[in-house]
Amino acid sequence: MNHASTHSHVSEALPESSFFSYAVGFVFSILLTLGSFEVAPLLGTFAPFAIVVGALLQLFVQLVFFLHLGRERGPKWNLGIFMFTLVIIGILIGGTLWIMSNLAHLHMHSPTTDDLYRNGIVAPANELK
């Protein structure tokens, strides 16, 4: 096997990238970002859902145009990496929501001064043991 045939085989396995592809991806990313800023105030309580949908669309655009997911003709490593990325994103979002809900629950019922003290002394429920 000569050097020229090895070189052409390697270049076929690499994804195609061009300035046009990067420019289109960049424009789509900017439009999705600006669109979320425009749409969020109009939707009120549905704004978080619209932002999540916009973020997922932007993730898809970046995977296709910048990381060239789906253009490779070789092994299916892209699918495994994509699924791992989704798991990490799910853990990140789920953990954040879990922590925030626990913090909101713990700070919801803050005790007042009347709850802490009875007739100028510490209430029995709040004494150190």
Protein backbone atom coordinates (compact mmCIF):
# COMPACT_ATOMS: atom_id res chain seq x y z
CA MET A 1 0.00 0.00 0.00
CA ASN A 2 1.52 3.32 -1.00
CA HIS A 3 1.44 6.58 0.92
CA ALA A 4 -1.03 8.33 -1.43
CA SER A 5 -3.78 5.73 -1.01
CA THR A 6 -3.42 5.83 2.79
CA HIS A 7 -3.66 9.61 2.76
CA SER A 8 -6.85 9.64 0.65
CA HIS A 9 -8.47 7.01 2.88
CA VAL A 10 -7.82 9.11 5.99
CA SER A 11 -9.19 12.29 4.40
CA GLU A 12 -12.44 10.50 3.44
CA ALA A 13 -13.08 9.53 7.06
CA LEU A 14 -12.75 13.12 8.30
CA PRO A 15 -15.95 15.18 8.23
CA GLU A 16 -16.23 17.93 5.67
CA SER A 17 -16.02 21.42 7.06
CA SER A 18 -16.19 24.66 5.22
CA PHE A 19 -16.50 28.32 6.01
CA PHE A 20 -20.09 28.25 4.70
CA SER A 21 -21.05 25.45 7.11
CA TYR A 22 -19.57 27.30 10.08
CA ALA A 23 -21.18 30.58 9.00
CA VAL A 24 -24.63 28.97 8.69
CA GLY A 25 -24.25 27.34 12.11
CA PHE A 26 -23.14 30.63 13.64
CA VAL A 27 -26.11 32.50 12.14
CA PHE A 28 -28.56 29.84 13.37
CA SER A 29 -27.04 29.97 16.86
CA ILE A 30 -27.31 33.76 17.00
CA LEU A 31 -30.91 33.69 15.74
CA LEU A 32 -31.90 31.09 18.33
CA THR A 33 -30.25 33.08 21.12
CA LEU A 34 -31.88 36.35 20.09
CA GLY A 35 -35.19 34.55 19.55
CA SER A 36 -35.19 33.28 23.12
CA PHE A 37 -34.64 36.83 24.40
CA GLU A 38 -37.56 38.08 22.30
CA VAL A 39 -39.99 35.24 23.03
CA ALA A 40 -39.37 34.77 26.77
CA PRO A 41 -41.03 38.00 27.99
CA LEU A 42 -44.09 37.34 25.83
CA LEU A 43 -44.82 33.85 27.16
CA GLY A 44 -44.95 34.51 30.90
CA THR A 45 -45.11 31.19 32.76
CA PHE A 46 -44.30 29.20 29.62
CA ALA A 47 -41.02 31.04 29.12
CA PRO A 48 -38.84 28.36 30.79
CA PHE A 49 -40.24 25.71 28.45
CA ALA A 50 -39.58 27.91 25.42
CA ILE A 51 -36.03 28.56 26.60
CA VAL A 52 -35.42 24.83 27.07
CA VAL A 53 -36.74 24.11 23.57
CA GLY A 54 -34.53 26.87 22.16
CA ALA A 55 -31.52 25.50 24.03
CA LEU A 56 -32.15 22.00 22.66
CA LEU A 57 -32.49 23.39 19.13
CA GLN A 58 -29.24 25.29 19.59
CA LEU A 59 -27.57 22.10 20.86
CA PHE A 60 -28.72 20.31 17.73
CA VAL A 61 -27.45 23.14 15.48
CA GLN A 62 -24.06 23.13 17.18
CA LEU A 63 -23.77 19.35 16.99
CA VAL A 64 -24.53 19.32 13.27
CA PHE A 65 -22.71 22.43 12.07
CA PHE A 66 -19.72 22.62 14.44
CA LEU A 67 -19.13 19.07 15.62
CA HIS A 68 -20.34 17.51 12.35
CA LEU A 69 -22.46 14.89 14.09
CA GLY A 70 -24.03 12.55 11.55
CA ARG A 71 -21.58 13.26 8.72
CA GLU A 72 -19.09 10.56 9.66
CA ARG A 73 -19.34 7.36 7.68
CA GLY A 74 -17.24 5.25 10.05
CA PRO A 75 -18.04 3.72 13.43
CA LYS A 76 -21.04 4.96 15.38
CA TRP A 77 -18.99 6.70 18.06
CA ASN A 78 -20.98 9.88 17.52
CA LEU A 79 -24.17 8.26 18.79
CA GLY A 80 -22.47 7.04 21.96
CA ILE A 81 -20.92 10.43 22.62
CA PHE A 82 -24.26 12.13 21.96
CA MET A 83 -26.10 9.79 24.35
CA PHE A 84 -23.44 10.35 27.04
CA THR A 85 -23.83 14.09 26.55
CA LEU A 86 -27.59 13.80 27.03
CA VAL A 87 -27.07 11.81 30.25
CA ILE A 88 -24.68 14.46 31.60
CA ILE A 89 -27.11 17.25 30.66
CA GLY A 90 -29.96 15.35 32.33
CA ILE A 91 -27.94 14.87 35.52
CA LEU A 92 -26.94 18.54 35.51
CA ILE A 93 -30.48 19.85 34.99
CA GLY A 94 -32.11 17.29 37.29
CA GLY A 95 -29.59 17.89 40.06
CA THR A 96 -29.97 21.64 39.78
CA LEU A 97 -33.76 21.44 39.99
CA TRP A 98 -33.54 19.01 42.91
CA ILE A 99 -31.18 21.27 44.87
CA MET A 100 -33.24 24.36 44.12
CA SER A 101 -36.50 22.70 45.19
CA ASN A 102 -34.92 21.50 48.45
CA LEU A 103 -33.57 24.98 49.15
CA ALA A 104 -36.97 26.53 48.44
CA HIS A 105 -38.66 24.00 50.71
CA LEU A 106 -36.19 24.52 53.56
CA HIS A 107 -36.44 28.31 53.39
CA MET A 108 -40.19 28.41 52.93
CA HIS A 109 -41.10 28.36 56.62
CA SER A 110 -38.53 30.48 58.39
CA PRO A 111 -39.26 30.79 62.11
CA THR A 112 -40.27 34.13 63.56
CA THR A 113 -38.99 35.60 66.81
CA ASP A 114 -42.19 34.50 68.55
CA ASP A 115 -41.52 30.90 67.45
CA LEU A 116 -37.97 30.94 68.78
CA TYR A 117 -38.61 32.61 72.15
CA ARG A 118 -41.40 32.22 74.70
CA ASN A 119 -41.65 34.98 77.30
CA GLY A 120 -38.07 36.07 76.73
CA ILE A 121 -36.49 32.61 76.98
CA VAL A 122 -35.69 30.05 74.30
CA ALA A 123 -38.69 27.88 73.47
CA PRO A 124 -38.29 24.21 74.49
CA ALA A 125 -38.41 23.04 70.86
CA ASN A 126 -35.39 25.23 70.02
CA GLU A 127 -33.14 24.39 72.96
CA LEU A 128 -29.75 22.83 72.31
CA LYS A 129 -29.58 19.29 73.53
